[in-house]
Protein backbone atom coordinates (compact mmCIF):
# COMPACT_ATOMS: atom_id res chain seq x y z
CA UNK A 1 150.98 -62.48 -101.52
CA UNK A 2 148.16 -64.71 -100.81
CA UNK A 3 148.53 -66.41 -96.93
CA UNK A 4 147.29 -69.58 -95.45
CA UNK A 5 147.61 -69.31 -91.61
CA UNK A 6 147.19 -71.48 -88.73
CA UNK A 7 145.46 -70.76 -85.26
CA UNK A 8 146.59 -73.11 -82.76
CA UNK A 9 144.64 -72.31 -79.12
CA UNK A 10 141.75 -70.19 -81.06
CA UNK A 11 138.88 -70.91 -78.27
CA UNK A 12 140.79 -68.53 -75.68
CA UNK A 13 139.81 -64.97 -75.73
CA UNK A 14 143.25 -63.76 -77.30
CA UNK A 15 142.57 -66.75 -79.91
CA UNK A 16 139.13 -65.53 -80.58
CA UNK A 17 140.29 -61.96 -81.49
CA UNK A 18 142.99 -63.38 -83.90
CA UNK A 19 140.26 -65.47 -85.78
CA UNK A 20 138.20 -62.13 -86.09
CA UNK A 21 141.10 -60.10 -87.13
CA UNK A 22 142.52 -62.37 -89.61
CA UNK A 23 139.31 -63.04 -91.18
CA UNK A 24 138.99 -60.15 -92.33
CA UNK A 25 142.93 -59.57 -93.07
CA UNK A 26 143.18 -58.67 -96.96
CA UNK A 27 146.37 -60.80 -97.56
CA UNK A 28 145.11 -64.13 -95.61
CA UNK A 29 143.09 -66.60 -98.13
CA UNK A 30 142.89 -69.44 -95.73
CA UNK A 31 142.66 -69.67 -92.20
CA UNK A 32 142.63 -72.61 -89.95
CA UNK A 33 141.73 -72.81 -86.35
CA UNK A 34 142.61 -75.22 -83.91
CA UNK A 35 141.02 -76.03 -80.65
CA UNK A 36 142.13 -79.01 -77.93
CA UNK A 37 138.73 -78.11 -75.93
CA UNK A 38 136.20 -77.42 -78.69
CA UNK A 39 137.50 -79.51 -81.66
CA UNK A 40 134.95 -80.67 -84.14
CA UNK A 41 132.49 -78.01 -83.31
CA UNK A 42 131.23 -74.59 -85.20
CA UNK A 43 132.91 -71.96 -84.47
CA UNK A 44 130.22 -69.62 -84.23
CA UNK A 45 128.54 -72.10 -81.86
CA UNK A 46 131.58 -70.99 -79.36
CA UNK A 47 131.67 -67.57 -80.34
CA UNK A 48 128.50 -66.41 -81.89
CA UNK A 49 130.00 -63.00 -82.97
CA UNK A 50 132.58 -64.30 -85.11
CA UNK A 51 131.54 -63.96 -88.40
CA UNK A 52 133.51 -67.02 -89.72
CA UNK A 53 132.32 -70.16 -91.41
CA UNK A 54 134.08 -73.67 -90.51
CA UNK A 55 134.95 -75.65 -87.39
CA UNK A 56 137.71 -76.15 -85.23
CA UNK A 57 139.98 -78.77 -86.23
CA UNK A 58 142.06 -80.54 -83.19
CA UNK A 59 145.30 -79.94 -82.39
CA UNK A 60 146.95 -82.35 -84.95
CA UNK A 61 144.00 -82.04 -87.74
CA UNK A 62 145.37 -79.00 -89.51
CA UNK A 63 148.41 -80.00 -92.24
CA UNK A 64 151.33 -77.74 -90.83
CA UNK A 65 153.23 -78.05 -93.88
CA UNK A 66 150.86 -76.09 -96.07
CA UNK A 67 151.06 -72.93 -93.46
CA UNK A 68 152.92 -69.93 -94.37
CA UNK A 69 152.37 -68.37 -90.95
CA UNK A 70 151.14 -69.86 -87.55
CA UNK A 71 149.96 -68.11 -84.26
CA UNK A 72 150.21 -70.15 -81.02
CA UNK A 73 147.63 -69.24 -78.62
CA UNK A 74 147.84 -71.78 -75.82
CA UNK A 75 149.17 -71.38 -72.28
CA UNK A 76 152.36 -70.62 -70.73
CA UNK A 77 154.63 -73.85 -70.67
CA UNK A 78 152.01 -75.51 -73.31
CA UNK A 79 153.67 -73.66 -76.71
CA UNK A 80 157.35 -74.03 -76.82
CA UNK A 81 157.07 -78.14 -78.37
CA UNK A 82 154.31 -76.82 -80.60
CA UNK A 83 156.61 -74.22 -81.76
CA UNK A 84 159.25 -76.37 -82.61
CA UNK A 85 156.87 -79.14 -84.55
CA UNK A 86 155.20 -76.38 -86.59
CA UNK A 87 159.12 -74.61 -87.15
CA UNK A 88 160.33 -78.47 -87.91
CA UNK A 89 157.06 -78.88 -90.43
CA UNK A 90 158.29 -75.83 -92.61
CA UNK A 91 155.93 -73.01 -91.09
CA UNK A 92 158.27 -69.54 -92.30
CA UNK A 93 157.14 -67.52 -89.55
CA UNK A 94 155.32 -68.71 -85.94
CA UNK A 95 154.11 -65.80 -83.95
CA UNK A 96 153.98 -67.26 -80.18
CA UNK A 97 151.64 -65.64 -77.48
CA UNK A 98 152.61 -67.56 -74.89
CA UNK A 99 155.60 -66.52 -72.12
CA UNK A 100 157.26 -69.63 -73.47
CA UNK A 101 159.96 -67.19 -75.36
CA UNK A 102 159.53 -64.08 -74.07
CA UNK A 103 162.93 -64.30 -71.52
CA UNK A 104 166.08 -64.09 -73.36
CA UNK A 105 168.03 -67.12 -71.87
CA UNK A 106 166.89 -70.75 -70.23
CA UNK A 107 168.08 -69.94 -66.65
CA UNK A 108 166.13 -67.14 -66.33
CA UNK A 109 163.08 -68.70 -67.78
CA UNK A 110 163.72 -71.73 -65.72
CA UNK A 111 164.06 -68.89 -62.45
CA UNK A 112 160.31 -68.09 -63.17
CA UNK A 113 158.88 -70.96 -65.27
CA UNK A 114 160.64 -73.92 -64.76
CA UNK A 115 162.48 -75.91 -67.22
CA UNK A 116 162.24 -74.95 -70.84
CA UNK A 117 160.93 -77.26 -73.07
CA UNK A 118 163.27 -76.02 -76.08
CA UNK A 119 165.94 -74.05 -74.81
CA UNK A 120 168.01 -74.52 -78.00
CA UNK A 121 165.37 -72.62 -79.66
CA UNK A 122 165.73 -69.16 -77.63
CA UNK A 123 168.77 -68.00 -79.66
CA UNK A 124 165.88 -67.49 -82.76
CA UNK A 125 163.21 -65.36 -81.02
CA UNK A 126 162.83 -62.12 -81.47
CA UNK A 127 160.88 -59.87 -79.23
CA UNK A 128 157.61 -58.77 -81.00
CA UNK A 129 157.26 -54.74 -79.69
CA UNK A 130 158.13 -53.44 -83.06
CA UNK A 131 158.23 -49.56 -81.85
CA UNK A 132 161.07 -50.44 -79.46
CA UNK A 133 163.01 -53.40 -81.30
CA UNK A 134 161.67 -53.21 -85.12
CA UNK A 135 160.38 -55.56 -87.02
CA UNK A 136 160.96 -59.68 -86.87
CA UNK A 137 163.50 -60.71 -89.36
CA UNK A 138 163.50 -64.38 -88.03
CA UNK A 139 160.96 -67.57 -87.90
CA UNK A 140 159.76 -66.87 -84.72
CA UNK A 141 158.25 -64.04 -82.73
CA UNK A 142 157.53 -63.77 -78.95
CA UNK A 143 154.49 -61.34 -78.58
CA UNK A 144 155.12 -59.48 -75.51
CA UNK A 145 152.99 -60.05 -72.42
CA UNK A 146 149.99 -57.07 -72.09
CA UNK A 147 151.61 -55.87 -69.08
CA UNK A 148 155.01 -55.35 -70.22
CA UNK A 149 153.63 -54.32 -73.43
CA UNK A 150 152.08 -51.18 -71.82
CA UNK A 151 155.24 -51.26 -69.30
CA UNK A 152 157.75 -51.03 -71.89
CA UNK A 153 156.30 -48.80 -74.23
CA UNK A 154 156.34 -46.36 -71.54
CA UNK A 155 159.62 -46.91 -69.74
CA UNK A 156 161.77 -47.25 -73.02
CA UNK A 157 161.91 -43.53 -74.03
CA UNK A 158 163.18 -42.60 -70.43
CA UNK A 159 165.45 -45.21 -69.63
CA UNK A 160 167.31 -44.67 -72.92
CA UNK A 161 167.23 -40.83 -71.85
CA UNK A 162 167.80 -41.27 -68.05
CA UNK A 163 169.49 -44.68 -68.41
CA UNK A 164 171.71 -45.29 -64.69
CA UNK A 165 170.32 -42.47 -63.35
CA UNK A 166 167.02 -44.16 -62.32
CA UNK A 167 167.19 -45.28 -58.93
CA UNK A 168 163.77 -47.34 -58.95
CA UNK A 169 160.87 -47.98 -60.92
CA UNK A 170 157.40 -48.95 -59.43
CA UNK A 171 154.31 -49.93 -61.54
CA UNK A 172 150.67 -50.16 -60.46
CA UNK A 173 148.66 -51.98 -62.97
CA UNK A 174 144.85 -52.54 -63.32
CA UNK A 175 143.64 -55.13 -66.03
CA UNK A 176 140.06 -56.88 -66.71
CA UNK A 177 138.96 -59.89 -66.29
CA UNK A 178 139.93 -61.05 -69.67
CA UNK A 179 143.54 -61.26 -68.87
CA UNK A 180 143.23 -64.19 -66.94
CA UNK A 181 142.21 -66.10 -70.09
CA UNK A 182 139.01 -67.76 -71.06
CA UNK A 183 139.28 -71.00 -68.61
CA UNK A 184 137.13 -69.95 -65.72
CA UNK A 185 138.68 -69.70 -61.73
CA UNK A 186 137.94 -69.01 -58.40
CA UNK A 187 139.85 -65.88 -59.09
CA UNK A 188 137.76 -64.80 -61.90
CA UNK A 189 134.08 -66.08 -61.11
CA UNK A 190 131.58 -63.22 -61.38
CA UNK A 191 131.24 -63.23 -57.56
CA UNK A 192 134.67 -63.03 -56.76
CA UNK A 193 134.97 -60.45 -59.72
CA UNK A 194 132.25 -58.11 -59.27
CA UNK A 195 132.24 -55.03 -57.36
CA UNK A 196 135.79 -55.84 -56.47
CA UNK A 197 139.71 -55.30 -57.02
CA UNK A 198 142.73 -56.66 -55.51
CA UNK A 199 146.20 -57.14 -56.14
CA UNK A 200 147.50 -60.57 -57.13
CA UNK A 201 151.28 -61.99 -57.79
CA UNK A 202 153.24 -59.62 -55.71
CA UNK A 203 156.05 -59.56 -55.47
CA UNK A 204 157.09 -62.23 -58.15
CA UNK A 205 154.73 -61.94 -60.81
CA UNK A 206 156.00 -63.49 -64.15
CA UNK A 207 156.13 -60.46 -66.00
CA UNK A 208 158.60 -58.75 -64.20
CA UNK A 209 161.60 -60.50 -65.76
CA UNK A 210 160.48 -59.86 -69.20
CA UNK A 211 160.00 -56.12 -68.42
CA UNK A 212 163.59 -55.73 -66.81
CA UNK A 213 165.19 -58.06 -69.30
CA UNK A 214 163.78 -56.34 -72.28
CA UNK A 215 164.44 -52.70 -70.62
CA UNK A 216 167.86 -53.50 -70.34
CA UNK A 217 168.20 -54.31 -74.16
CA UNK A 218 167.28 -50.69 -74.13
CA UNK A 219 169.99 -48.26 -75.21
CA UNK A 220 171.42 -47.19 -71.93
CA UNK A 221 169.33 -49.54 -70.11
CA UNK A 222 172.02 -51.92 -68.60
CA UNK A 223 171.99 -50.06 -65.39
CA UNK A 224 168.28 -50.02 -64.96
CA UNK A 225 167.16 -51.14 -61.72
CA UNK A 226 164.96 -54.00 -60.94
CA UNK A 227 161.71 -53.25 -60.94
CA UNK A 228 158.80 -53.72 -58.30
CA UNK A 229 155.42 -54.94 -60.34
CA UNK A 230 152.04 -54.87 -58.73
CA UNK A 231 149.13 -55.79 -60.80
CA UNK A 232 145.71 -55.74 -59.65
CA UNK A 233 142.58 -57.24 -61.26
CA UNK A 234 139.24 -54.88 -61.85
CA UNK A 235 135.79 -56.21 -62.66
CA UNK A 236 135.79 -55.12 -66.17
CA UNK A 237 136.02 -57.06 -69.35
CA UNK A 238 139.22 -55.82 -71.11
CA UNK A 239 141.72 -52.83 -70.87
CA UNK A 240 144.48 -52.36 -68.86
CA UNK A 241 146.19 -49.18 -67.22
CA UNK A 242 149.48 -48.12 -65.30
CA UNK A 243 151.10 -45.94 -63.54
CA UNK A 244 154.44 -46.17 -63.23
CA UNK A 245 156.51 -43.92 -60.64
CA UNK A 246 160.23 -43.66 -61.40
CA UNK A 247 162.65 -42.16 -58.77
CA UNK A 248 165.73 -40.67 -60.17
CA UNK A 249 168.66 -38.79 -59.61
CA UNK A 250 166.91 -35.69 -61.83
CA UNK A 251 163.37 -35.58 -62.86
CA UNK A 252 162.80 -34.20 -66.20
CA UNK A 253 159.64 -32.07 -66.80
CA UNK A 254 156.49 -33.95 -68.08
CA UNK A 255 156.78 -31.87 -71.36
CA UNK A 256 160.07 -33.30 -72.00
CA UNK A 257 159.00 -36.93 -71.12
CA UNK A 258 156.16 -36.18 -73.70
CA UNK A 259 158.63 -35.00 -76.35
CA UNK A 260 160.89 -38.15 -75.77
CA UNK A 261 157.74 -40.32 -76.49
CA UNK A 262 157.12 -38.09 -79.98
CA UNK A 263 160.40 -38.82 -81.18
CA UNK A 264 160.64 -42.07 -80.37
CA UNK A 265 157.05 -43.24 -81.58
CA UNK A 266 156.82 -40.58 -84.48
CA UNK A 267 155.71 -42.77 -87.58
CA UNK A 268 154.11 -45.81 -85.77
CA UNK A 269 150.71 -46.39 -85.90
CA UNK A 270 149.59 -47.48 -82.63
CA UNK A 271 151.06 -45.79 -79.67
CA UNK A 272 150.39 -41.67 -78.71
CA UNK A 273 151.27 -39.76 -76.32
CA UNK A 274 148.96 -36.59 -74.65
CA UNK A 275 148.89 -34.58 -71.82
CA UNK A 276 145.83 -35.77 -70.65
CA UNK A 277 145.95 -38.76 -68.54
CA UNK A 278 145.05 -42.18 -70.37
CA UNK A 279 141.42 -44.22 -69.76
CA UNK A 280 141.00 -47.48 -70.15
CA UNK A 281 137.98 -46.16 -72.45
CA UNK A 282 140.37 -44.39 -74.76
CA UNK A 283 141.79 -47.53 -75.87
CA UNK A 284 139.50 -50.41 -75.02
CA UNK A 285 138.62 -52.49 -78.65
CA UNK A 286 141.35 -50.85 -80.40
CA UNK A 287 145.42 -51.51 -80.86
CA UNK A 288 146.43 -48.35 -79.57
CA UNK A 289 148.47 -47.59 -76.55
CA UNK A 290 148.26 -44.09 -74.91
CA UNK A 291 150.67 -42.20 -73.00
CA UNK A 292 151.13 -39.49 -70.97
CA UNK A 293 153.39 -38.25 -67.90
CA UNK A 294 153.12 -36.03 -64.72
CA UNK A 295 155.99 -34.94 -62.17
CA UNK A 296 155.18 -34.91 -58.49
CA UNK A 297 158.12 -31.99 -57.66
CA UNK A 298 157.03 -32.30 -53.77
CA UNK A 299 158.21 -36.04 -53.73
CA UNK A 300 160.61 -35.95 -56.50
CA UNK A 301 159.16 -38.42 -58.82
CA UNK A 302 158.20 -38.46 -62.10
CA UNK A 303 154.76 -40.48 -62.90
CA UNK A 304 154.45 -42.09 -66.25
CA UNK A 305 150.70 -43.16 -67.50
CA UNK A 306 150.29 -46.21 -70.08
CA UNK A 307 146.55 -47.65 -71.40
CA UNK A 308 146.23 -50.67 -73.54
CA UNK A 309 143.54 -53.22 -74.58
CA UNK A 310 145.08 -56.00 -73.24
CA UNK A 311 143.47 -58.93 -75.82
CA UNK A 312 144.55 -56.46 -78.56
CA UNK A 313 147.84 -54.31 -78.50
CA UNK A 314 148.36 -56.52 -75.90
CA UNK A 315 148.53 -60.13 -77.58
CA UNK A 316 146.24 -60.76 -80.85
CA UNK A 317 146.64 -57.04 -82.49
CA UNK A 318 150.10 -57.26 -81.70
CA UNK A 319 150.40 -60.19 -82.97
CA UNK A 320 148.87 -59.62 -86.38
CA UNK A 321 151.05 -56.05 -86.36
CA UNK A 322 154.24 -58.75 -85.99
CA UNK A 323 153.18 -60.58 -88.92
CA UNK A 324 152.75 -57.93 -91.12
CA UNK A 325 155.99 -56.49 -90.26
CA UNK A 326 157.93 -59.25 -90.70
CA UNK A 327 156.23 -60.01 -94.20
CA UNK A 328 157.25 -56.48 -95.49
CA UNK A 329 153.67 -55.28 -95.03
CA UNK A 330 152.44 -52.09 -93.41
CA UNK A 331 151.92 -52.76 -89.76
CA UNK A 332 148.50 -51.65 -89.94
CA UNK A 333 146.50 -53.93 -92.90
CA UNK A 334 144.26 -55.26 -91.56
CA UNK A 335 144.30 -53.15 -88.32
CA UNK A 336 143.16 -49.79 -89.52
CA UNK A 337 139.84 -50.01 -87.81
CA UNK A 338 141.88 -50.33 -84.36
CA UNK A 339 143.33 -47.10 -84.60
């Protein structure tokens, strides 16, 4: 199978990673890249490290009817109508990297983002965290957020085993500046971010309902309580680390939790659990999620640790993984070097 793929929003950080990954994918024969801000410019003039010939097309410069797969990497609230148009043009699989299709219904989306542009498509969406929810079988894959990827992979096996016995979940997350996107802002200006760290988005960060909704889809997760989620910006380019504190009626041993991870993620290429606590450096520039666990018996808390690269397992690497599985390829096809 030789695929023709389109990337919409290919000049952002996630889009550029998609260009890099798909340019070396053995099943991709043709790749077209659209950009709103760089249409007509040579791709390598914007990202010199990309070994790709050609120019960015305008948003309407790709013949969508000729595509087998499309990736949409526009911002939140900007992707949904493009996804609709791509499906109408006959694209068989659309992987959306925004938040537009991550929440399960229009009411929940409206509470956190505003009115959904195309609510009629929400019933078709598969939430693209395959290690928890399997391979996509429909036309739309909602690629998870980077923070939810790390959180759900750490928590899903725990929720499955402990269920309603969980009393509270607190997630403290650290992320590199690339997670804020390529568009410059005061917050991501070098002078603001360098030698600094700050919490932001609390207590109503938009990834909160995504994490809650997906954990409640996990077997035994219906009684999962609301979570407290506090993200922090730290002065690194890429990578993410979460420390998750779980309060529960009974606290298992850390070895038991590591056993749950080993059982649930056996056979998956990109999730691994170790006794050693993960570092961001362990996962940067990979499509890997690394997990660990510890128990604070004095305080009666279970501690979970999860690290990912926010641009790969938290975005573009996961998008390629989702495409692979949806089309029946091995999940690591074209990603073998990122394990």
